[in-house]
């Protein structure tokens, strides 16, 4: 029997400069979705700001020894060399090097991205997950994360799920509102004014505590922010077509400096 995933590798999106922007954006979104005549998204389904991240791969770490091994591996991961192999270094101008330096590259300014729009993980009119997409004007983020993912898979540190990497920041996940939502597992009706992006896979659980692996101790750094509701109830499916249309050009946060790789622990159990 396949062992369940316990952790995952990701790029955190919370920094000193991004936090105020994201708090403001999520609070506004929460307020609008609670008083709109469109589908009212359960408040519990809107993810806490500290959980926002870009997932690169799933992991199974069964004990402290395996967690320590993961930390040591990432401490020695040649992230700067990987960047140079992908994008070169000698031929770049000083301005390019400053604008596009990788995370953990000796103190240089890191890769900068924004979060834009609102998309459905499944069908827009029957989805359990809504997410914001990262925007990288230099078009380096996806290739860089894809290369990291490949190296980690080759080393056996993350699972090979045989599907393309899909970088996304989850804003809504109704798994956290199964018992308290308005729709009770059914599709909540809404003005169907537009379609939207679709994907075949759904997220399961989001992290509630994180274990940093960029040279810092693997310890819990976040407060518990909710536990998935009982699995005996199906997650609420939202007709989010109106919200997707309304937020299609929305900028949640601008100029996030991606600074590290981290391992997040699944569920609400503290590390």
Protein backbone atom coordinates (compact mmCIF):
# COMPACT_ATOMS: atom_id res chain seq x y z
CA UNK A 1 0.00 0.00 0.00
CA UNK A 2 1.29 3.43 -0.94
CA UNK A 3 2.30 5.50 2.06
CA UNK A 4 0.44 8.80 2.44
CA UNK A 5 2.18 12.09 1.87
CA UNK A 6 3.13 13.92 5.06
CA UNK A 7 5.01 17.01 3.78
CA UNK A 8 5.70 18.89 0.58
CA UNK A 9 8.38 21.05 -0.94
CA UNK A 10 7.32 24.59 -1.76
CA UNK A 11 8.27 28.20 -2.29
CA UNK A 12 6.67 30.34 0.46
CA UNK A 13 5.01 33.55 -0.70
CA UNK A 14 5.02 35.36 2.64
CA UNK A 15 7.76 37.92 3.12
CA UNK A 16 8.04 41.14 5.09
CA UNK A 17 6.91 43.15 2.08
CA UNK A 18 4.30 40.75 0.68
CA UNK A 19 2.42 40.13 3.93
CA UNK A 20 0.67 43.56 4.17
CA UNK A 21 -0.44 43.34 0.54
CA UNK A 22 -1.77 39.80 0.90
CA UNK A 23 -3.54 40.51 4.18
CA UNK A 24 -5.31 43.47 2.55
CA UNK A 25 -6.24 41.47 -0.56
CA UNK A 26 -7.55 38.45 1.37
CA UNK A 27 -9.52 40.60 3.80
CA UNK A 28 -11.18 42.44 0.91
CA UNK A 29 -11.94 39.15 -0.85
CA UNK A 30 -13.41 37.71 2.35
CA UNK A 31 -15.60 40.78 2.84
CA UNK A 32 -16.85 40.77 -0.75
CA UNK A 33 -17.60 37.05 -0.85
CA UNK A 34 -19.61 37.20 2.37
CA UNK A 35 -22.00 39.96 1.31
CA UNK A 36 -22.36 39.36 -2.42
CA UNK A 37 -25.56 38.21 -4.14
CA UNK A 38 -23.33 35.79 -6.01
CA UNK A 39 -22.17 32.55 -4.41
CA UNK A 40 -21.16 33.28 -0.84
CA UNK A 41 -17.86 31.49 -0.28
CA UNK A 42 -17.63 30.05 3.27
CA UNK A 43 -15.22 32.11 5.33
CA UNK A 44 -13.52 28.95 6.61
CA UNK A 45 -12.61 28.01 3.04
CA UNK A 46 -10.53 31.16 2.47
CA UNK A 47 -6.95 30.26 3.30
CA UNK A 48 -4.98 32.09 6.01
CA UNK A 49 -2.28 34.34 4.68
CA UNK A 50 0.56 32.35 6.25
CA UNK A 51 -0.29 29.24 4.22
CA UNK A 52 0.22 30.84 0.79
CA UNK A 53 2.91 29.07 -1.22
CA UNK A 54 3.80 27.46 -4.56
CA UNK A 55 3.98 23.67 -4.29
CA UNK A 56 6.83 21.89 -6.10
CA UNK A 57 6.35 18.32 -4.93
CA UNK A 58 4.96 15.92 -2.34
CA UNK A 59 7.01 14.10 0.29
CA UNK A 60 6.64 11.28 2.81
CA UNK A 61 8.77 11.93 5.91
CA UNK A 62 7.87 9.36 8.55
CA UNK A 63 10.13 10.37 11.45
CA UNK A 64 12.59 12.95 12.77
CA UNK A 65 15.49 11.20 11.07
CA UNK A 66 13.92 11.54 7.63
CA UNK A 67 13.02 15.16 8.34
CA UNK A 68 16.63 15.81 9.31
CA UNK A 69 17.85 14.11 6.13
CA UNK A 70 15.54 16.33 4.05
CA UNK A 71 16.92 19.42 5.77
CA UNK A 72 20.52 18.39 5.20
CA UNK A 73 19.85 17.61 1.55
CA UNK A 74 18.29 21.01 0.93
CA UNK A 75 21.07 22.75 2.84
CA UNK A 76 23.47 21.40 0.23
CA UNK A 77 21.20 21.74 -2.79
CA UNK A 78 23.07 23.69 -5.54
CA UNK A 79 20.30 26.16 -6.18
CA UNK A 80 22.62 28.91 -7.44
CA UNK A 81 24.42 26.58 -9.86
CA UNK A 82 21.08 25.39 -11.19
CA UNK A 83 20.09 28.98 -11.91
CA UNK A 84 23.34 29.63 -13.77
CA UNK A 85 22.96 26.45 -15.80
CA UNK A 86 19.48 27.54 -16.90
CA UNK A 87 19.98 31.23 -17.56
CA UNK A 88 23.74 31.78 -17.72
CA UNK A 89 25.70 34.30 -15.71
CA UNK A 90 28.77 35.66 -17.45
CA UNK A 91 26.93 37.20 -20.37
CA UNK A 92 24.26 38.89 -18.26
CA UNK A 93 24.46 42.58 -17.53
CA UNK A 94 24.65 43.79 -13.94
CA UNK A 95 21.05 44.99 -14.09
CA UNK A 96 19.83 41.60 -15.33
CA UNK A 97 21.78 39.80 -12.65
CA UNK A 98 20.33 42.04 -9.97
CA UNK A 99 16.75 41.68 -11.22
CA UNK A 100 16.83 37.93 -11.75
CA UNK A 101 19.07 36.42 -9.07
CA UNK A 102 17.80 33.13 -7.64
CA UNK A 103 16.62 32.53 -4.07
CA UNK A 104 19.41 31.87 -1.58
CA UNK A 105 22.05 33.26 -3.94
CA UNK A 106 24.42 34.79 -1.45
CA UNK A 107 22.30 37.75 -0.50
CA UNK A 108 21.57 38.99 -4.01
CA UNK A 109 18.06 40.26 -4.77
CA UNK A 110 15.88 37.20 -5.45
CA UNK A 111 13.45 36.26 -8.19
CA UNK A 112 10.47 38.63 -8.19
CA UNK A 113 6.89 37.61 -9.04
CA UNK A 114 3.31 38.78 -8.56
CA UNK A 115 0.00 36.97 -8.02
CA UNK A 116 -2.82 37.71 -10.44
CA UNK A 117 -6.33 36.61 -11.31
CA UNK A 118 -8.58 33.91 -9.86
CA UNK A 119 -8.85 30.45 -11.39
CA UNK A 120 -10.69 27.21 -10.69
CA UNK A 121 -8.84 23.97 -10.09
CA UNK A 122 -11.76 22.02 -11.57
CA UNK A 123 -14.74 23.18 -13.61
CA UNK A 124 -15.44 26.85 -12.81
CA UNK A 125 -19.11 26.10 -12.09
CA UNK A 126 -18.34 23.15 -9.78
CA UNK A 127 -15.00 23.63 -8.05
CA UNK A 128 -13.63 23.12 -4.55
CA UNK A 129 -10.39 25.09 -5.05
CA UNK A 130 -9.74 28.62 -6.33
CA UNK A 131 -6.24 29.93 -6.80
CA UNK A 132 -4.18 32.93 -7.89
CA UNK A 133 -1.53 32.41 -10.56
CA UNK A 134 2.07 33.62 -10.25
CA UNK A 135 3.14 36.16 -12.85
CA UNK A 136 6.80 36.47 -13.78
CA UNK A 137 7.53 39.15 -16.38
CA UNK A 138 10.97 37.66 -17.04
CA UNK A 139 9.41 34.24 -17.70
CA UNK A 140 11.92 32.41 -15.53
CA UNK A 141 9.87 31.19 -12.58
CA UNK A 142 8.28 28.13 -14.17
CA UNK A 143 11.48 26.86 -15.80
CA UNK A 144 13.41 27.35 -12.58
CA UNK A 145 10.83 25.56 -10.41
CA UNK A 146 10.52 22.81 -12.99
CA UNK A 147 14.29 22.28 -12.89
CA UNK A 148 14.27 22.14 -9.08
CA UNK A 149 11.41 19.66 -9.18
CA UNK A 150 13.27 17.45 -11.66
CA UNK A 151 16.43 17.39 -9.54
CA UNK A 152 14.43 16.58 -6.43
CA UNK A 153 12.62 13.74 -8.18
CA UNK A 154 15.89 12.32 -9.50
CA UNK A 155 17.26 12.35 -5.96
CA UNK A 156 14.15 10.62 -4.65
CA UNK A 157 13.28 13.53 -2.36
CA UNK A 158 9.84 14.24 -3.79
CA UNK A 159 7.32 11.93 -5.44
CA UNK A 160 7.01 11.63 -9.20
CA UNK A 161 3.27 12.12 -9.73
CA UNK A 162 3.54 11.94 -13.53
CA UNK A 163 1.79 15.22 -14.19
CA UNK A 164 2.96 18.69 -15.26
CA UNK A 165 3.99 21.17 -12.60
CA UNK A 166 1.14 23.59 -11.91
CA UNK A 167 2.30 26.62 -9.95
CA UNK A 168 -0.57 28.16 -8.02
CA UNK A 169 -1.36 29.89 -4.74
CA UNK A 170 -4.54 28.49 -3.20
CA UNK A 171 -6.95 31.20 -2.08
CA UNK A 172 -10.02 29.01 -1.42
CA UNK A 173 -10.24 25.33 -0.49
CA UNK A 174 -13.67 24.11 0.63
CA UNK A 175 -12.22 21.03 2.32
CA UNK A 176 -11.96 23.31 5.36
CA UNK A 177 -15.68 24.15 5.31
CA UNK A 178 -17.26 20.74 4.82
CA UNK A 179 -19.38 20.85 7.96
CA UNK A 180 -20.04 24.56 8.09
CA UNK A 181 -20.62 25.62 4.51
CA UNK A 182 -23.85 26.76 2.93
CA UNK A 183 -23.97 24.24 0.11
CA UNK A 184 -23.60 20.95 2.00
CA UNK A 185 -21.56 19.28 -0.73
CA UNK A 186 -23.74 20.53 -3.58
CA UNK A 187 -23.00 23.21 -6.13
CA UNK A 188 -23.95 26.65 -4.86
CA UNK A 189 -25.75 28.53 -7.63
CA UNK A 190 -24.30 31.69 -9.10
CA UNK A 191 -24.55 33.95 -12.14
CA UNK A 192 -22.83 31.94 -14.89
CA UNK A 193 -21.50 34.83 -16.89
CA UNK A 194 -18.24 33.27 -18.03
CA UNK A 195 -16.11 30.19 -18.15
CA UNK A 196 -12.58 29.83 -16.83
CA UNK A 197 -9.48 27.67 -16.55
CA UNK A 198 -9.88 23.99 -15.76
CA UNK A 199 -7.60 21.32 -14.33
CA UNK A 200 -8.08 17.64 -13.68
CA UNK A 201 -6.43 17.49 -10.27
CA UNK A 202 -7.62 18.79 -6.93
CA UNK A 203 -5.55 19.78 -3.94
CA UNK A 204 -6.11 17.71 -0.84
CA UNK A 205 -4.82 19.44 2.25
CA UNK A 206 -3.02 22.71 2.78
CA UNK A 207 -0.22 23.26 5.31
CA UNK A 208 -0.96 24.56 8.78
CA UNK A 209 2.61 24.61 10.02
CA UNK A 210 5.87 24.91 8.16
CA UNK A 211 9.33 23.53 8.59
CA UNK A 212 11.93 25.85 7.11
CA UNK A 213 14.84 24.18 5.37
CA UNK A 214 17.01 27.10 4.29
CA UNK A 215 19.61 26.61 6.99
CA UNK A 216 17.19 27.11 9.88
CA UNK A 217 15.87 24.50 12.33
CA UNK A 218 12.95 22.41 11.16
CA UNK A 219 10.43 23.69 13.67
CA UNK A 220 6.85 24.94 13.51
CA UNK A 221 6.73 28.61 12.57
CA UNK A 222 2.99 29.19 12.23
CA UNK A 223 -0.08 29.04 14.39
CA UNK A 224 -2.67 26.38 13.68
CA UNK A 225 -5.06 27.84 11.14
CA UNK A 226 -7.81 25.28 10.94
CA UNK A 227 -8.23 21.59 10.33
CA UNK A 228 -9.91 19.98 7.33
CA UNK A 229 -13.49 19.10 8.15
CA UNK A 230 -14.69 15.53 8.55
CA UNK A 231 -13.94 13.36 5.54
CA UNK A 232 -17.37 11.77 5.90
CA UNK A 233 -18.78 14.85 4.19
CA UNK A 234 -18.01 15.79 0.62
CA UNK A 235 -16.34 19.19 0.15
CA UNK A 236 -18.59 21.98 -1.02
CA UNK A 237 -18.57 22.60 -4.76
CA UNK A 238 -18.79 26.25 -5.73
CA UNK A 239 -20.11 27.81 -8.88
CA UNK A 240 -17.35 30.42 -9.01
CA UNK A 241 -17.81 31.70 -12.55
CA UNK A 242 -18.85 35.17 -11.40
CA UNK A 243 -15.91 35.51 -8.99
CA UNK A 244 -13.47 34.29 -11.63
CA UNK A 245 -14.75 36.95 -14.04
CA UNK A 246 -14.68 39.67 -11.40
CA UNK A 247 -11.12 38.84 -10.31
CA UNK A 248 -9.64 37.94 -13.69
CA UNK A 249 -7.44 41.06 -13.73
CA UNK A 250 -7.00 41.39 -9.98
CA UNK A 251 -3.49 41.77 -8.59
CA UNK A 252 -3.29 40.13 -5.14
CA UNK A 253 0.30 41.13 -4.50
CA UNK A 254 3.10 42.68 -6.52
CA UNK A 255 6.85 42.12 -6.48
CA UNK A 256 7.22 39.20 -4.09
CA UNK A 257 10.90 38.44 -3.60
CA UNK A 258 11.09 34.65 -3.52
CA UNK A 259 13.73 33.96 -0.93
CA UNK A 260 13.81 30.26 -0.03
CA UNK A 261 12.60 26.72 -0.42
CA UNK A 262 10.67 25.22 2.47
CA UNK A 263 9.06 21.98 3.55
CA UNK A 264 5.48 22.31 4.77
CA UNK A 265 3.78 19.74 6.96
CA UNK A 266 0.38 18.49 5.84
CA UNK A 267 -2.60 19.10 8.10
CA UNK A 268 -2.69 20.91 11.42
CA UNK A 269 -0.21 18.79 13.38
CA UNK A 270 2.73 20.80 14.61
CA UNK A 271 6.23 19.61 13.76
